[in-house]
């Protein structure tokens, strides 16, 4: 290998030098990268740099001659059922060079686990649409939660979007049908949560404020409509992002989400199917909207239409949901 230089691209903005190096030279050991930086053989814009140096677009990286690293076996492209591939491609509601957004269907796990062989992460190759990169997950929805799910189309975009979620710079809006009508009809739920149990029986539970295992969890809610005081349509806006936060917070205000058998309690209208004959027993929780700073600038807003079982419930209860607005990006 001869001495060479490479230019940092826009997509690689703010990436660490060692991560940039491993992306371009897969299989290179971290210890070797540290040695090359320490001895000044790897340079950024002609100057020595530490492995944790954050890069900026347009900077020049000097790569010294060195032995080729051991080849890294590439992951085989997943074999996806043609029907699943077609349905997943039809679920795309927004696409550009950096981002993909899908309306995740009911019952599709986002990632694999014990006993789970069919999941979104295993199908992402069908969403390349000609890109050299496989789309990457940057946030999650529960298996039975539907709606807006964000994917990054490049490694650099994945890092930027993950940082936005960590920094709570993305506004998330969910719709839910709940048993009961919360009092007051709108407000803020500020209730710490913790994970309890173990293995596949693990679940989320309320925590005392002084419990070291608890994490702050905050949700804003508003009642958009109700049916005879027995069922209500809520808009939920999680300020934090704890596992099963919305499901446990709804139980806390005595308005469990319709179809949520995992978190329903005996004194909270447990017999969902007996409330109104013909309602689906599927979970009625839908990620309606995301508003986020787009990596290329401006604010992107994406909405997803309700899944079939929630559309049927809305029709039965007389709830009138507007159709999803076309995706829009404003300065």
C-alpha atoms as a PDB file:
ATOM      1  CA  UNK A   1       0.000   0.000   0.000  1.00  0.00           C
ATOM      2  CA  UNK A   2       1.311   3.473  -0.883  1.00  0.00           C
ATOM      3  CA  UNK A   3       0.896   6.809   0.864  1.00  0.00           C
ATOM      4  CA  UNK A   4      -2.512   8.290   0.079  1.00  0.00           C
ATOM      5  CA  UNK A   5      -4.870  11.074   1.089  1.00  0.00           C
ATOM      6  CA  UNK A   6      -8.650  11.176   1.276  1.00  0.00           C
ATOM      7  CA  UNK A   7     -11.141  13.984   1.731  1.00  0.00           C
ATOM      8  CA  UNK A   8     -13.792  13.909   4.467  1.00  0.00           C
ATOM      9  CA  UNK A   9     -17.247  14.031   2.876  1.00  0.00           C
ATOM     10  CA  UNK A  10     -20.354  15.873   4.067  1.00  0.00           C
ATOM     11  CA  UNK A  11     -21.837  12.573   5.205  1.00  0.00           C
ATOM     12  CA  UNK A  12     -18.828  12.011   7.464  1.00  0.00           C
ATOM     13  CA  UNK A  13     -19.116  15.277   9.397  1.00  0.00           C
ATOM     14  CA  UNK A  14     -18.398  14.979  13.143  1.00  0.00           C
ATOM     15  CA  UNK A  15     -17.315  11.335  12.963  1.00  0.00           C
ATOM     16  CA  UNK A  16     -14.341  10.319  15.123  1.00  0.00           C
ATOM     17  CA  UNK A  17     -11.049   9.790  13.277  1.00  0.00           C
ATOM     18  CA  UNK A  18     -10.698   6.158  14.409  1.00  0.00           C
ATOM     19  CA  UNK A  19     -14.233   5.344  13.314  1.00  0.00           C
ATOM     20  CA  UNK A  20     -13.639   7.058   9.973  1.00  0.00           C
ATOM     21  CA  UNK A  21     -10.514   4.950   9.550  1.00  0.00           C
ATOM     22  CA  UNK A  22     -12.283   1.659  10.322  1.00  0.00           C
ATOM     23  CA  UNK A  23     -15.086   2.577   7.933  1.00  0.00           C
ATOM     24  CA  UNK A  24     -12.625   3.042   5.072  1.00  0.00           C
ATOM     25  CA  UNK A  25     -10.244   0.255   6.087  1.00  0.00           C
ATOM     26  CA  UNK A  26     -12.387  -2.508   7.643  1.00  0.00           C
ATOM     27  CA  UNK A  27     -10.473  -4.979   9.750  1.00  0.00           C
ATOM     28  CA  UNK A  28      -7.824  -2.519  10.951  1.00  0.00           C
ATOM     29  CA  UNK A  29      -7.173  -2.997  14.656  1.00  0.00           C
ATOM     30  CA  UNK A  30      -7.819  -0.106  17.036  1.00  0.00           C
ATOM     31  CA  UNK A  31      -4.322  -0.565  18.513  1.00  0.00           C
ATOM     32  CA  UNK A  32      -2.758   0.043  15.096  1.00  0.00           C
ATOM     33  CA  UNK A  33      -4.828   3.171  14.499  1.00  0.00           C
ATOM     34  CA  UNK A  34      -3.750   4.498  17.918  1.00  0.00           C
ATOM     35  CA  UNK A  35      -0.080   3.816  17.097  1.00  0.00           C
ATOM     36  CA  UNK A  36      -0.304   5.520  13.691  1.00  0.00           C
ATOM     37  CA  UNK A  37      -1.928   8.596  15.257  1.00  0.00           C
ATOM     38  CA  UNK A  38       0.537   8.708  18.160  1.00  0.00           C
ATOM     39  CA  UNK A  39       3.534   8.587  15.803  1.00  0.00           C
ATOM     40  CA  UNK A  40       2.042  11.173  13.438  1.00  0.00           C
ATOM     41  CA  UNK A  41       1.692   8.802  10.497  1.00  0.00           C
ATOM     42  CA  UNK A  42      -2.031   9.512  10.280  1.00  0.00           C
ATOM     43  CA  UNK A  43      -2.550  13.264   9.922  1.00  0.00           C
ATOM     44  CA  UNK A  44      -5.531  15.576   9.522  1.00  0.00           C
ATOM     45  CA  UNK A  45      -4.884  18.631   7.343  1.00  0.00           C
ATOM     46  CA  UNK A  46      -1.169  17.978   7.760  1.00  0.00           C
ATOM     47  CA  UNK A  47      -1.238  17.956  11.578  1.00  0.00           C
ATOM     48  CA  UNK A  48      -1.036  15.160  14.154  1.00  0.00           C
ATOM     49  CA  UNK A  49      -4.435  14.161  15.508  1.00  0.00           C
ATOM     50  CA  UNK A  50      -5.797  11.951  18.266  1.00  0.00           C
ATOM     51  CA  UNK A  51      -8.051   8.991  17.517  1.00  0.00           C
ATOM     52  CA  UNK A  52     -11.034  10.840  19.037  1.00  0.00           C
ATOM     53  CA  UNK A  53     -10.622  13.922  16.812  1.00  0.00           C
ATOM     54  CA  UNK A  54     -13.963  14.927  15.295  1.00  0.00           C
ATOM     55  CA  UNK A  55     -13.733  15.440  11.551  1.00  0.00           C
ATOM     56  CA  UNK A  56     -15.238  18.169   9.391  1.00  0.00           C
ATOM     57  CA  UNK A  57     -16.196  18.026   5.695  1.00  0.00           C
ATOM     58  CA  UNK A  58     -13.340  18.964   3.374  1.00  0.00           C
ATOM     59  CA  UNK A  59     -10.537  17.973   5.739  1.00  0.00           C
ATOM     60  CA  UNK A  60      -7.701  15.891   4.277  1.00  0.00           C
ATOM     61  CA  UNK A  61      -6.707  12.603   5.919  1.00  0.00           C
ATOM     62  CA  UNK A  62      -3.168  11.313   5.327  1.00  0.00           C
ATOM     63  CA  UNK A  63      -2.992   7.503   5.314  1.00  0.00           C
ATOM     64  CA  UNK A  64       0.506   6.002   5.549  1.00  0.00           C
ATOM     65  CA  UNK A  65       1.702   2.884   3.726  1.00  0.00           C
ATOM     66  CA  UNK A  66       0.910  -0.198   5.776  1.00  0.00           C
ATOM     67  CA  UNK A  67       0.143  -3.866   5.428  1.00  0.00           C
ATOM     68  CA  UNK A  68      -3.305  -4.684   4.181  1.00  0.00           C
ATOM     69  CA  UNK A  69      -5.647  -5.663   7.036  1.00  0.00           C
ATOM     70  CA  UNK A  70      -7.187  -9.090   7.168  1.00  0.00           C
ATOM     71  CA  UNK A  71     -10.221  -9.254   4.885  1.00  0.00           C
ATOM     72  CA  UNK A  72     -13.572  -8.861   6.551  1.00  0.00           C
ATOM     73  CA  UNK A  73     -16.312 -11.179   5.401  1.00  0.00           C
ATOM     74  CA  UNK A  74     -19.254  -9.181   4.146  1.00  0.00           C
ATOM     75  CA  UNK A  75     -22.658 -10.108   5.438  1.00  0.00           C
ATOM     76  CA  UNK A  76     -24.728 -11.941   2.849  1.00  0.00           C
ATOM     77  CA  UNK A  77     -27.736 -10.106   1.519  1.00  0.00           C
ATOM     78  CA  UNK A  78     -30.811 -11.357   3.351  1.00  0.00           C
ATOM     79  CA  UNK A  79     -33.276 -13.515   1.456  1.00  0.00           C
ATOM     80  CA  UNK A  80     -36.656 -11.847   1.860  1.00  0.00           C
ATOM     81  CA  UNK A  81     -40.003 -13.277   0.893  1.00  0.00           C
ATOM     82  CA  UNK A  82     -41.135 -11.451  -2.281  1.00  0.00           C
ATOM     83  CA  UNK A  83     -44.465 -10.564  -0.691  1.00  0.00           C
ATOM     84  CA  UNK A  84     -42.711  -9.069   2.352  1.00  0.00           C
ATOM     85  CA  UNK A  85     -40.356  -7.147   0.078  1.00  0.00           C
ATOM     86  CA  UNK A  86     -43.232  -5.713  -1.933  1.00  0.00           C
ATOM     87  CA  UNK A  87     -45.224  -4.752   1.156  1.00  0.00           C
ATOM     88  CA  UNK A  88     -42.224  -3.123   2.819  1.00  0.00           C
ATOM     89  CA  UNK A  89     -41.384  -1.067  -0.253  1.00  0.00           C
ATOM     90  CA  UNK A  90     -45.022   0.059  -0.463  1.00  0.00           C
ATOM     91  CA  UNK A  91     -44.783   1.148   3.189  1.00  0.00           C
ATOM     92  CA  UNK A  92     -42.175   3.830   2.353  1.00  0.00           C
ATOM     93  CA  UNK A  93     -43.739   7.268   2.897  1.00  0.00           C
ATOM     94  CA  UNK A  94     -40.640   9.445   2.485  1.00  0.00           C
ATOM     95  CA  UNK A  95     -37.297   9.003   0.761  1.00  0.00           C
ATOM     96  CA  UNK A  96     -34.283  11.152  -0.097  1.00  0.00           C
ATOM     97  CA  UNK A  97     -30.524  10.572  -0.354  1.00  0.00           C
ATOM     98  CA  UNK A  98     -30.079  10.457   3.424  1.00  0.00           C
ATOM     99  CA  UNK A  99     -33.358   9.344   4.998  1.00  0.00           C
ATOM    100  CA  UNK A 100     -36.083   6.754   4.550  1.00  0.00           C
ATOM    101  CA  UNK A 101     -39.343   6.756   6.494  1.00  0.00           C
ATOM    102  CA  UNK A 102     -41.779   3.850   6.523  1.00  0.00           C
ATOM    103  CA  UNK A 103     -45.245   3.339   7.973  1.00  0.00           C
ATOM    104  CA  UNK A 104     -44.424   0.249  10.028  1.00  0.00           C
ATOM    105  CA  UNK A 105     -47.186  -2.349   9.849  1.00  0.00           C
ATOM    106  CA  UNK A 106     -48.787  -4.040  12.849  1.00  0.00           C
ATOM    107  CA  UNK A 107     -47.110  -7.159  14.215  1.00  0.00           C
ATOM    108  CA  UNK A 108     -43.694  -6.705  12.565  1.00  0.00           C
ATOM    109  CA  UNK A 109     -40.812  -6.771  15.086  1.00  0.00           C
ATOM    110  CA  UNK A 110     -38.132  -4.207  14.375  1.00  0.00           C
ATOM    111  CA  UNK A 111     -35.306  -6.535  15.414  1.00  0.00           C
ATOM    112  CA  UNK A 112     -34.804 -10.228  16.058  1.00  0.00           C
ATOM    113  CA  UNK A 113     -34.815 -12.007  19.396  1.00  0.00           C
ATOM    114  CA  UNK A 114     -35.632 -15.382  20.957  1.00  0.00           C
ATOM    115  CA  UNK A 115     -38.008 -17.150  18.595  1.00  0.00           C
ATOM    116  CA  UNK A 116     -38.155 -14.173  16.178  1.00  0.00           C
ATOM    117  CA  UNK A 117     -36.941 -14.964  12.660  1.00  0.00           C
ATOM    118  CA  UNK A 118     -39.036 -12.506  10.643  1.00  0.00           C
ATOM    119  CA  UNK A 119     -38.215  -8.889  11.501  1.00  0.00           C
ATOM    120  CA  UNK A 120     -37.618  -5.526   9.846  1.00  0.00           C
ATOM    121  CA  UNK A 121     -33.858  -5.493  10.413  1.00  0.00           C
ATOM    122  CA  UNK A 122     -33.571  -8.691   8.414  1.00  0.00           C
ATOM    123  CA  UNK A 123     -35.407  -7.143   5.452  1.00  0.00           C
ATOM    124  CA  UNK A 124     -33.603  -3.820   5.099  1.00  0.00           C
ATOM    125  CA  UNK A 125     -31.679  -4.839   1.978  1.00  0.00           C
ATOM    126  CA  UNK A 126     -34.918  -4.515  -0.016  1.00  0.00           C
ATOM    127  CA  UNK A 127     -34.925  -0.793   0.868  1.00  0.00           C
ATOM    128  CA  UNK A 128     -31.533   0.040  -0.644  1.00  0.00           C
ATOM    129  CA  UNK A 129     -33.137   1.467  -3.810  1.00  0.00           C
ATOM    130  CA  UNK A 130     -29.792   1.442  -5.611  1.00  0.00           C
ATOM    131  CA  UNK A 131     -27.694   2.721  -2.706  1.00  0.00           C
ATOM    132  CA  UNK A 132     -24.377   1.095  -1.842  1.00  0.00           C
ATOM    133  CA  UNK A 133     -25.384   1.283   1.827  1.00  0.00           C
ATOM    134  CA  UNK A 134     -27.892  -0.843   3.663  1.00  0.00           C
ATOM    135  CA  UNK A 135     -30.426   1.323   5.555  1.00  0.00           C
ATOM    136  CA  UNK A 136     -29.861   1.520   9.300  1.00  0.00           C
ATOM    137  CA  UNK A 137     -32.312   1.623  12.177  1.00  0.00           C
ATOM    138  CA  UNK A 138     -32.012   4.773  14.283  1.00  0.00           C
ATOM    139  CA  UNK A 139     -34.995   4.273  16.591  1.00  0.00           C
ATOM    140  CA  UNK A 140     -37.444   1.535  17.505  1.00  0.00           C
ATOM    141  CA  UNK A 141     -41.156   0.818  17.729  1.00  0.00           C
ATOM    142  CA  UNK A 142     -42.699  -2.097  19.613  1.00  0.00           C
ATOM    143  CA  UNK A 143     -43.743  -5.085  17.498  1.00  0.00           C
ATOM    144  CA  UNK A 144     -47.441  -4.177  17.687  1.00  0.00           C
ATOM    145  CA  UNK A 145     -47.016  -0.397  17.465  1.00  0.00           C
ATOM    146  CA  UNK A 146     -47.577   0.971  13.974  1.00  0.00           C
ATOM    147  CA  UNK A 147     -46.562   4.147  12.210  1.00  0.00           C
ATOM    148  CA  UNK A 148     -43.639   6.430  11.441  1.00  0.00           C
ATOM    149  CA  UNK A 149     -40.261   4.688  11.632  1.00  0.00           C
ATOM    150  CA  UNK A 150     -37.080   6.495  10.615  1.00  0.00           C
ATOM    151  CA  UNK A 151     -34.171   4.855   8.774  1.00  0.00           C
ATOM    152  CA  UNK A 152     -30.790   6.289   7.790  1.00  0.00           C
ATOM    153  CA  UNK A 153     -29.510   5.603   4.281  1.00  0.00           C
ATOM    154  CA  UNK A 154     -25.808   6.217   5.049  1.00  0.00           C
ATOM    155  CA  UNK A 155     -23.563   5.523   8.064  1.00  0.00           C
ATOM    156  CA  UNK A 156     -22.925   9.235   8.607  1.00  0.00           C
ATOM    157  CA  UNK A 157     -26.623  10.041   8.605  1.00  0.00           C
ATOM    158  CA  UNK A 158     -27.235   7.245  11.113  1.00  0.00           C
ATOM    159  CA  UNK A 159     -24.856   8.874  13.572  1.00  0.00           C
ATOM    160  CA  UNK A 160     -26.457  12.295  13.170  1.00  0.00           C
ATOM    161  CA  UNK A 161     -30.003  10.983  13.604  1.00  0.00           C
ATOM    162  CA  UNK A 162     -29.061   8.872  16.627  1.00  0.00           C
ATOM    163  CA  UNK A 163     -27.605  12.011  18.221  1.00  0.00           C
ATOM    164  CA  UNK A 164     -30.874  13.862  17.573  1.00  0.00           C
ATOM    165  CA  UNK A 165     -32.846  11.152  19.371  1.00  0.00           C
ATOM    166  CA  UNK A 166     -30.413  11.189  22.295  1.00  0.00           C
ATOM    167  CA  UNK A 167     -30.656  14.961  22.504  1.00  0.00           C
ATOM    168  CA  UNK A 168     -34.464  14.926  22.346  1.00  0.00           C
ATOM    169  CA  UNK A 169     -34.394  17.143  19.263  1.00  0.00           C
ATOM    170  CA  UNK A 170     -37.078  15.078  17.501  1.00  0.00           C
ATOM    171  CA  UNK A 171     -40.754  15.719  18.210  1.00  0.00           C
ATOM    172  CA  UNK A 172     -42.741  12.467  18.349  1.00  0.00           C
ATOM    173  CA  UNK A 173     -46.544  12.305  18.277  1.00  0.00           C
ATOM    174  CA  UNK A 174     -48.570   9.128  18.863  1.00  0.00           C
ATOM    175  CA  UNK A 175     -52.272   8.368  18.663  1.00  0.00           C
ATOM    176  CA  UNK A 176     -53.903   5.828  20.950  1.00  0.00           C
ATOM    177  CA  UNK A 177     -57.389   4.551  21.685  1.00  0.00           C
ATOM    178  CA  UNK A 178     -57.727   3.990  25.429  1.00  0.00           C
ATOM    179  CA  UNK A 179     -60.271   2.422  27.762  1.00  0.00           C
ATOM    180  CA  UNK A 180     -61.784   5.153  29.891  1.00  0.00           C
ATOM    181  CA  UNK A 181     -61.466   8.924  29.654  1.00  0.00           C
ATOM    182  CA  UNK A 182     -58.546  10.451  31.546  1.00  0.00           C
ATOM    183  CA  UNK A 183     -59.184  13.145  34.135  1.00  0.00           C
ATOM    184  CA  UNK A 184     -58.045  15.797  33.510  1.00  0.00           C
ATOM    185  CA  UNK A 185     -58.558  15.450  29.772  1.00  0.00           C
ATOM    186  CA  UNK A 186     -55.083  16.808  29.041  1.00  0.00           C
ATOM    187  CA  UNK A 187     -51.895  17.268  30.972  1.00  0.00           C
ATOM    188  CA  UNK A 188     -48.404  15.968  31.669  1.00  0.00           C
ATOM    189  CA  UNK A 189     -47.483  12.574  33.127  1.00  0.00           C
ATOM    190  CA  UNK A 190     -44.197  12.825  35.035  1.00  0.00           C
ATOM    191  CA  UNK A 191     -43.685   9.321  36.407  1.00  0.00           C
ATOM    192  CA  UNK A 192     -40.273   7.587  36.709  1.00  0.00           C
ATOM    193  CA  UNK A 193     -40.026   4.110  35.214  1.00  0.00           C
ATOM    194  CA  UNK A 194     -37.801   1.094  35.697  1.00  0.00           C
ATOM    195  CA  UNK A 195     -37.339  -2.344  34.159  1.00  0.00           C
ATOM    196  CA  UNK A 196     -38.338  -5.285  36.328  1.00  0.00           C
ATOM    197  CA  UNK A 197     -38.339  -9.053  35.922  1.00  0.00           C
ATOM    198  CA  UNK A 198     -35.904 -10.884  33.740  1.00  0.00           C
ATOM    199  CA  UNK A 199     -35.295 -12.569  30.403  1.00  0.00           C
ATOM    200  CA  UNK A 200     -38.460 -12.685  28.297  1.00  0.00           C
ATOM    201  CA  UNK A 201     -40.637 -11.717  31.269  1.00  0.00           C
ATOM    202  CA  UNK A 202     -39.022  -8.298  31.600  1.00  0.00           C
ATOM    203  CA  UNK A 203     -41.412  -5.354  31.710  1.00  0.00           C
ATOM    204  CA  UNK A 204     -41.581  -1.683  32.605  1.00  0.00           C
ATOM    205  CA  UNK A 205     -43.041  -0.513  35.898  1.00  0.00           C
ATOM    206  CA  UNK A 206     -43.502   2.786  37.762  1.00  0.00           C
ATOM    207  CA  UNK A 207     -40.655   3.710  40.102  1.00  0.00           C
ATOM    208  CA  UNK A 208     -40.398   5.855  43.211  1.00  0.00           C
ATOM    209  CA  UNK A 209     -38.613   9.142  42.639  1.00  0.00           C
ATOM    210  CA  UNK A 210     -35.807   8.137  44.975  1.00  0.00           C
ATOM    211  CA  UNK A 211     -35.406   4.675  43.418  1.00  0.00           C
ATOM    212  CA  UNK A 212     -31.873   4.459  41.924  1.00  0.00           C
ATOM    213  CA  UNK A 213     -33.189   1.996  39.319  1.00  0.00           C
ATOM    214  CA  UNK A 214     -35.783   4.491  38.101  1.00  0.00           C
ATOM    215  CA  UNK A 215     -35.355   6.836  35.144  1.00  0.00           C
ATOM    216  CA  UNK A 216     -37.306  10.033  34.603  1.00  0.00           C
ATOM    217  CA  UNK A 217     -40.142   9.583  32.108  1.00  0.00           C
ATOM    218  CA  UNK A 218     -42.397  12.402  30.889  1.00  0.00           C
ATOM    219  CA  UNK A 219     -45.362  12.297  28.503  1.00  0.00           C
ATOM    220  CA  UNK A 220     -47.727  15.084  27.445  1.00  0.00           C
ATOM    221  CA  UNK A 221     -51.243  13.953  26.518  1.00  0.00           C
ATOM    222  CA  UNK A 222     -54.427  15.449  25.131  1.00  0.00           C
ATOM    223  CA  UNK A 223     -57.881  13.909  24.636  1.00  0.00           C
ATOM    224  CA  UNK A 224     -58.954  14.479  21.030  1.00  0.00           C
ATOM    225  CA  UNK A 225     -62.351  12.728  21.256  1.00  0.00           C
ATOM    226  CA  UNK A 226     -64.265  10.212  23.346  1.00  0.00           C
ATOM    227  CA  UNK A 227     -67.095   7.717  22.977  1.00  0.00           C
ATOM    228  CA  UNK A 228     -69.670   7.664  25.770  1.00  0.00           C
ATOM    229  CA  UNK A 229     -66.949   8.246  28.368  1.00  0.00           C
ATOM    230  CA  UNK A 230     -65.862   4.623  27.882  1.00  0.00           C
ATOM    231  CA  UNK A 231     -63.218   4.990  25.209  1.00  0.00           C
ATOM    232  CA  UNK A 232     -61.066   7.942  24.198  1.00  0.00           C
ATOM    233  CA  UNK A 233     -58.714   8.984  21.419  1.00  0.00           C
ATOM    234  CA  UNK A 234     -55.519  10.403  22.897  1.00  0.00           C
ATOM    235  CA  UNK A 235     -52.637  12.300  21.377  1.00  0.00           C
ATOM    236  CA  UNK A 236     -49.439  11.394  23.220  1.00  0.00           C
ATOM    237  CA  UNK A 237     -46.133  13.249  23.023  1.00  0.00           C
ATOM    238  CA  UNK A 238     -43.259  11.513  24.828  1.00  0.00           C
ATOM    239  CA  UNK A 239     -40.650  13.980  26.064  1.00  0.00           C
ATOM    240  CA  UNK A 240     -38.381  11.113  27.100  1.00  0.00           C
ATOM    241  CA  UNK A 241     -37.974   7.760  25.372  1.00  0.00           C
ATOM    242  CA  UNK A 242     -38.205   4.925  27.888  1.00  0.00           C
ATOM    243  CA  UNK A 243     -39.165   1.389  26.899  1.00  0.00           C
ATOM    244  CA  UNK A 244     -42.973   1.005  26.889  1.00  0.00           C
ATOM    245  CA  UNK A 245     -43.274   4.514  28.344  1.00  0.00           C
ATOM    246  CA  UNK A 246     -46.585   5.405  26.701  1.00  0.00           C
ATOM    247  CA  UNK A 247     -48.199   2.082  27.588  1.00  0.00           C
ATOM    248  CA  UNK A 248     -47.302   2.323  31.291  1.00  0.00           C
ATOM    249  CA  UNK A 249     -48.113   6.040  31.510  1.00  0.00           C
ATOM    250  CA  UNK A 250     -51.582   5.437  30.085  1.00  0.00           C
ATOM    251  CA  UNK A 251     -52.202   2.797  32.748  1.00  0.00           C
ATOM    252  CA  UNK A 252     -51.037   5.327  35.350  1.00  0.00           C
ATOM    253  CA  UNK A 253     -53.820   7.776  34.375  1.00  0.00           C
ATOM    254  CA  UNK A 254     -56.369   4.925  34.419  1.00  0.00           C
ATOM    255  CA  UNK A 255     -56.693   4.859  30.641  1.00  0.00           C
ATOM    256  CA  UNK A 256     -54.923   1.695  29.396  1.00  0.00           C
ATOM    257  CA  UNK A 257     -54.400   1.414  25.658  1.00  0.00           C
ATOM    258  CA  UNK A 258     -56.975  -0.755  23.925  1.00  0.00           C
ATOM    259  CA  UNK A 259     -55.568  -4.230  23.278  1.00  0.00           C
ATOM    260  CA  UNK A 260     -52.586  -3.864  25.629  1.00  0.00           C
ATOM    261  CA  UNK A 261     -52.833  -7.186  27.462  1.00  0.00           C
ATOM    262  CA  UNK A 262     -49.281  -6.863  28.823  1.00  0.00           C
ATOM    263  CA  UNK A 263     -50.016  -3.780  30.932  1.00  0.00           C
ATOM    264  CA  UNK A 264     -53.758  -3.780  31.570  1.00  0.00           C
ATOM    265  CA  UNK A 265     -54.818  -3.986  35.235  1.00  0.00           C
ATOM    266  CA  UNK A 266     -57.919  -5.753  36.667  1.00  0.00           C
ATOM    267  CA  UNK A 267     -59.558  -2.534  37.847  1.00  0.00           C
ATOM    268  CA  UNK A 268     -59.109  -0.682  34.547  1.00  0.00           C
ATOM    269  CA  UNK A 269     -61.723  -1.921  32.080  1.00  0.00           C
ATOM    270  CA  UNK A 270     -59.804  -5.134  31.473  1.00  0.00           C
ATOM    271  CA  UNK A 271     -62.607  -6.676  29.396  1.00  0.00           C
ATOM    272  CA  UNK A 272     -61.800  -4.533  26.351  1.00  0.00           C
ATOM    273  CA  UNK A 273     -63.695  -6.774  23.955  1.00  0.00           C
ATOM    274  CA  UNK A 274     -66.882  -6.349  26.019  1.00  0.00           C
ATOM    275  CA  UNK A 275     -66.859  -2.544  25.816  1.00  0.00           C
ATOM    276  CA  UNK A 276     -68.135  -2.367  22.269  1.00  0.00           C
ATOM    277  CA  UNK A 277     -68.796  -5.514  20.259  1.00  0.00           C
ATOM    278  CA  UNK A 278     -66.642  -5.931  17.194  1.00  0.00           C
ATOM    279  CA  UNK A 279     -63.616  -3.858  18.219  1.00  0.00           C
ATOM    280  CA  UNK A 280     -60.230  -5.318  17.364  1.00  0.00           C
ATOM    281  CA  UNK A 281     -58.211  -6.751  20.245  1.00  0.00           C
ATOM    282  CA  UNK A 282     -54.971  -5.589  18.588  1.00  0.00           C
ATOM    283  CA  UNK A 283     -52.886  -2.898  20.269  1.00  0.00           C
ATOM    284  CA  UNK A 284     -54.222   0.576  19.385  1.00  0.00           C
ATOM    285  CA  UNK A 285     -50.993   2.601  19.474  1.00  0.00           C
ATOM    286  CA  UNK A 286     -49.784   4.434  16.368  1.00  0.00           C
ATOM    287  CA  UNK A 287     -46.741   6.634  15.754  1.00  0.00           C
ATOM    288  CA  UNK A 288     -48.543   9.408  13.894  1.00  0.00           C
ATOM    289  CA  UNK A 289     -45.872  12.068  13.304  1.00  0.00           C
ATOM    290  CA  UNK A 290     -42.169  12.868  13.474  1.00  0.00           C
ATOM    291  CA  UNK A 291     -40.733  16.374  13.198  1.00  0.00           C
ATOM    292  CA  UNK A 292     -36.946  16.458  13.000  1.00  0.00           C
ATOM    293  CA  UNK A 293     -34.037  18.618  11.882  1.00  0.00           C
ATOM    294  CA  UNK A 294     -32.994  17.178   8.535  1.00  0.00           C
ATOM    295  CA  UNK A 295     -29.236  16.472   8.271  1.00  0.00           C
ATOM    296  CA  UNK A 296     -29.143  18.582   5.101  1.00  0.00           C
ATOM    297  CA  UNK A 297     -30.984  21.495   6.744  1.00  0.00           C
ATOM    298  CA  UNK A 298     -34.546  22.498   7.515  1.00  0.00           C
ATOM    299  CA  UNK A 299     -37.275  20.716   9.472  1.00  0.00           C
ATOM    300  CA  UNK A 300     -38.800  17.531   8.069  1.00  0.00           C
ATOM    301  CA  UNK A 301     -42.357  16.565   9.052  1.00  0.00           C
ATOM    302  CA  UNK A 302     -43.659  13.093   8.219  1.00  0.00           C
ATOM    303  CA  UNK A 303     -47.066  11.618   9.105  1.00  0.00           C
ATOM    304  CA  UNK A 304     -48.420   8.078   8.774  1.00  0.00           C
ATOM    305  CA  UNK A 305     -52.002   6.973   8.186  1.00  0.00           C
ATOM    306  CA  UNK A 306     -53.686   4.671  10.696  1.00  0.00           C
ATOM    307  CA  UNK A 307     -53.391   0.871  10.306  1.00  0.00           C
ATOM    308  CA  UNK A 308     -56.517  -1.039   9.207  1.00  0.00           C
ATOM    309  CA  UNK A 309     -57.570  -2.186  12.693  1.00  0.00           C
ATOM    310  CA  UNK A 310     -57.416   1.359  14.087  1.00  0.00           C
ATOM    311  CA  UNK A 311     -59.260   2.753  11.075  1.00  0.00           C
ATOM    312  CA  UNK A 312     -62.036   0.249  11.747  1.00  0.00           C
ATOM    313  CA  UNK A 313     -62.170   1.229  15.431  1.00  0.00           C
ATOM    314  CA  UNK A 314     -62.266   4.936  14.585  1.00  0.00           C
ATOM    315  CA  UNK A 315     -65.150   4.310  12.202  1.00  0.00           C
ATOM    316  CA  UNK A 316     -67.081   2.301  14.801  1.00  0.00           C
ATOM    317  CA  UNK A 317     -66.579   4.945  17.489  1.00  0.00           C
ATOM    318  CA  UNK A 318     -67.242   7.927  15.203  1.00  0.00           C
ATOM    319  CA  UNK A 319     -63.740   9.376  15.552  1.00  0.00           C
ATOM    320  CA  UNK A 320     -62.775  11.442  12.504  1.00  0.00           C
ATOM    321  CA  UNK A 321     -59.032  11.336  11.865  1.00  0.00           C
ATOM    322  CA  UNK A 322     -57.651  13.536   9.081  1.00  0.00           C
ATOM    323  CA  UNK A 323     -55.518  11.732   6.490  1.00  0.00           C
ATOM    324  CA  UNK A 324     -51.766  11.996   6.870  1.00  0.00           C
ATOM    325  CA  UNK A 325     -50.341  15.156   5.354  1.00  0.00           C
ATOM    326  CA  UNK A 326     -47.721  14.736   2.586  1.00  0.00           C
ATOM    327  CA  UNK A 327     -44.165  14.879   3.945  1.00  0.00           C
ATOM    328  CA  UNK A 328     -42.807  18.409   4.040  1.00  0.00           C
ATOM    329  CA  UNK A 329     -39.467  20.037   4.665  1.00  0.00           C
ATOM    330  CA  UNK A 330     -39.277  23.697   5.580  1.00  0.00           C
ATOM    331  CA  UNK A 331     -36.363  25.987   6.294  1.00  0.00           C
END
